[in-house]
Amino acid sequence: MTTSFRFEHTFRAPSPETVLRAYFNPDHLAAQDKVAELTGREVVEEREDDAVKVMTWKVTSQKPLPLFARAFVDGGRLSYKEAMTWRKADGEIDLAITPQILNGRVQLTAVYKLTSAGENQVKRTYSGNVSVDIRLVGGKIERSVVQAIEDGIPLMFQCTQDWLAKQA
């Protein structure tokens, strides 16, 4: 089963590239990690050429898992791999998040698409899918993940907007 999502926001920024670069900036990532209560961001892969920039990190949540789920995760805290590929010519970032739980049966894939929306305006469309391959409860888990994304989007948007304003 798969549950889709789509969110749109408009940043005050000089260009789509300004926002795209922010997603790979260590200071911006640290600010977002603080808001999202993540810790231990560790670079797993990094490469760049004229066409793409690829980064993969291992990240751990500071929030403990529910008691029933802790037995499935070493240390009781969820960690995951976050992979981002900036396709420069398209002005898009492909995102894949794979929690280190249930042997890859939980995945989130998405695309950040950024376009100019007027003077000093950049529209971001964040769309993707959550899939949880667990019989009977997969759909419920997918919907709860999408709800968590929806709840967190305003905080993360504001974090990025504040960071961009400080860079101007």
Protein backbone atom coordinates (compact mmCIF):
# COMPACT_ATOMS: atom_id res chain seq x y z
CA MET A 1 0.00 0.00 0.00
CA THR A 2 1.13 3.59 -0.57
CA THR A 3 -0.14 6.92 0.77
CA SER A 4 0.61 10.06 -1.22
CA PHE A 5 1.11 13.64 -0.02
CA ARG A 6 1.61 17.09 -1.52
CA PHE A 7 2.35 20.42 0.15
CA GLU A 8 3.10 23.84 -1.35
CA HIS A 9 4.75 26.87 0.22
CA THR A 10 6.24 30.08 -1.06
CA PHE A 11 9.56 31.26 0.34
CA ARG A 12 10.84 34.79 0.31
CA ALA A 13 14.15 34.15 -1.46
CA PRO A 14 16.01 35.58 -4.45
CA SER A 15 16.00 32.35 -6.50
CA PRO A 16 15.12 28.66 -6.47
CA GLU A 17 18.85 27.86 -6.35
CA THR A 18 19.16 29.79 -3.07
CA VAL A 19 16.59 27.50 -1.45
CA LEU A 20 17.98 24.37 -3.12
CA ARG A 21 21.46 25.12 -1.75
CA ALA A 22 20.04 25.61 1.75
CA TYR A 23 18.94 21.98 1.86
CA PHE A 24 22.61 20.92 1.72
CA ASN A 25 24.04 23.62 4.00
CA PRO A 26 25.31 22.16 7.32
CA ASP A 27 24.15 25.20 9.32
CA HIS A 28 20.65 25.02 7.83
CA LEU A 29 20.52 21.26 8.44
CA ALA A 30 21.57 21.82 12.08
CA ALA A 31 18.79 24.38 12.54
CA GLN A 32 16.22 22.01 11.03
CA ASP A 33 17.52 19.07 13.08
CA LYS A 34 17.04 21.10 16.25
CA VAL A 35 13.42 21.89 15.33
CA ALA A 36 12.74 18.27 14.30
CA GLU A 37 14.48 16.90 17.41
CA LEU A 38 17.08 14.96 15.43
CA THR A 39 20.65 14.30 16.45
CA GLY A 40 23.88 12.79 15.25
CA ARG A 41 23.63 13.76 11.56
CA GLU A 42 26.47 11.83 9.94
CA VAL A 43 27.44 12.08 6.27
CA VAL A 44 27.35 8.65 4.61
CA GLU A 45 27.81 9.79 1.00
CA GLU A 46 28.68 13.07 -0.69
CA ARG A 47 29.39 13.79 -4.35
CA GLU A 48 28.75 16.56 -6.83
CA ASP A 49 29.26 17.30 -10.49
CA ASP A 50 27.73 19.72 -12.98
CA ALA A 51 24.47 17.73 -13.19
CA VAL A 52 23.77 16.54 -9.63
CA LYS A 53 24.64 16.93 -5.99
CA VAL A 54 24.12 13.80 -3.89
CA MET A 55 24.16 13.62 -0.10
CA THR A 56 23.18 10.81 2.21
CA TRP A 57 23.10 11.13 5.98
CA LYS A 58 22.36 8.87 8.90
CA VAL A 59 20.18 10.69 11.43
CA THR A 60 18.73 9.65 14.80
CA SER A 61 15.57 10.92 16.45
CA GLN A 62 15.89 12.31 19.97
CA LYS A 63 12.31 11.23 20.65
CA PRO A 64 11.94 7.76 22.13
CA LEU A 65 9.76 5.31 20.25
CA PRO A 66 6.53 4.09 21.82
CA LEU A 67 7.22 1.38 24.38
CA PHE A 68 5.84 -1.44 22.18
CA ALA A 69 8.22 -0.51 19.32
CA ARG A 70 11.43 -0.08 21.33
CA ALA A 71 12.21 -3.78 21.29
CA PHE A 72 12.57 -3.63 17.49
CA VAL A 73 15.10 -0.79 17.48
CA ASP A 74 18.57 -0.79 19.01
CA GLY A 75 18.69 1.87 21.72
CA GLY A 76 14.95 2.57 21.53
CA ARG A 77 15.38 5.53 19.18
CA LEU A 78 14.63 5.52 15.49
CA SER A 79 17.48 6.20 13.09
CA TYR A 80 17.18 6.50 9.36
CA LYS A 81 19.07 7.22 6.18
CA GLU A 82 18.12 10.42 4.39
CA ALA A 83 19.30 10.60 0.77
CA MET A 84 18.93 13.74 -1.33
CA THR A 85 19.81 14.15 -5.00
CA TRP A 86 19.65 17.65 -6.46
CA ARG A 87 18.99 17.44 -10.18
CA LYS A 88 20.38 20.87 -11.01
CA ALA A 89 18.94 21.31 -14.51
CA ASP A 90 15.44 20.46 -13.24
CA GLY A 91 15.56 22.55 -10.06
CA GLU A 92 14.41 19.51 -8.10
CA ILE A 93 15.64 17.40 -5.22
CA ASP A 94 14.75 13.72 -4.98
CA LEU A 95 14.45 12.62 -1.36
CA ALA A 96 14.40 9.10 0.06
CA ILE A 97 14.08 8.33 3.75
CA THR A 98 14.57 4.77 4.91
CA PRO A 99 14.08 4.09 8.62
CA GLN A 100 16.45 1.54 10.05
CA ILE A 101 13.57 -0.65 11.18
CA LEU A 102 11.71 -3.60 9.68
CA ASN A 103 14.36 -4.33 7.03
CA GLY A 104 13.36 -1.59 4.58
CA ARG A 105 9.62 -2.28 4.66
CA VAL A 106 9.03 1.39 5.53
CA GLN A 107 10.01 4.05 2.99
CA LEU A 108 9.32 7.65 2.15
CA THR A 109 10.14 9.04 -1.29
CA ALA A 110 9.51 12.61 -2.31
CA VAL A 111 10.49 15.46 -4.61
CA TYR A 112 11.16 19.08 -3.72
CA LYS A 113 10.40 21.14 -6.84
CA LEU A 114 11.31 24.82 -6.70
CA THR A 115 10.22 27.45 -9.19
CA SER A 116 10.26 31.23 -9.35
CA ALA A 117 6.91 32.68 -8.35
CA GLY A 118 7.61 36.37 -8.83
CA GLU A 119 10.15 38.82 -7.52
CA ASN A 120 11.87 37.40 -4.43
CA GLN A 121 9.34 34.52 -4.33
CA VAL A 122 10.14 30.82 -4.68
CA LYS A 123 7.37 28.24 -4.75
CA ARG A 124 8.23 24.84 -3.29
CA THR A 125 6.11 21.82 -4.08
CA TYR A 126 6.89 18.90 -1.77
CA SER A 127 5.18 15.74 -2.97
CA GLY A 128 5.76 12.09 -2.44
CA ASN A 129 4.69 8.74 -1.10
CA VAL A 130 4.95 6.79 2.12
CA SER A 131 4.85 3.02 1.88
CA VAL A 132 4.70 0.57 4.76
CA ASP A 133 4.73 -3.08 3.80
CA ILE A 134 3.01 -4.53 6.86
CA ARG A 135 -0.22 -6.45 6.42
CA LEU A 136 -3.35 -5.06 8.03
CA VAL A 137 -1.74 -1.97 9.62
CA GLY A 138 0.45 -0.59 6.81
CA GLY A 139 -2.13 1.94 5.64
CA LYS A 140 -2.74 3.21 9.16
CA ILE A 141 1.00 3.68 9.72
CA GLU A 142 1.34 5.45 6.35
CA ARG A 143 -1.45 7.88 7.22
CA SER A 144 0.12 8.61 10.60
CA VAL A 145 3.48 9.35 8.92
CA VAL A 146 1.79 11.71 6.45
CA GLN A 147 -0.01 13.40 9.36
CA ALA A 148 3.33 13.85 11.17
CA ILE A 149 4.77 15.43 8.01
CA GLU A 150 1.76 17.73 7.72
CA ASP A 151 2.10 18.73 11.38
CA GLY A 152 5.83 19.42 11.01
CA ILE A 153 5.74 21.28 7.68
CA PRO A 154 4.89 24.71 9.12
CA LEU A 155 7.74 24.47 11.64
CA MET A 156 10.26 23.33 9.04
CA PHE A 157 9.08 25.96 6.54
CA GLN A 158 9.51 28.71 9.14
CA CYS A 159 12.93 27.35 10.13
CA THR A 160 14.08 27.50 6.50
CA GLN A 161 12.54 30.94 5.95
CA ASP A 162 14.26 32.30 9.07
CA TRP A 163 17.57 30.79 7.99
CA LEU A 164 17.25 32.28 4.48
CA ALA A 165 16.46 35.71 5.97
CA LYS A 166 19.64 35.59 8.06
CA GLN A 167 21.67 34.84 4.93
CA ALA A 168 20.35 37.86 3.01
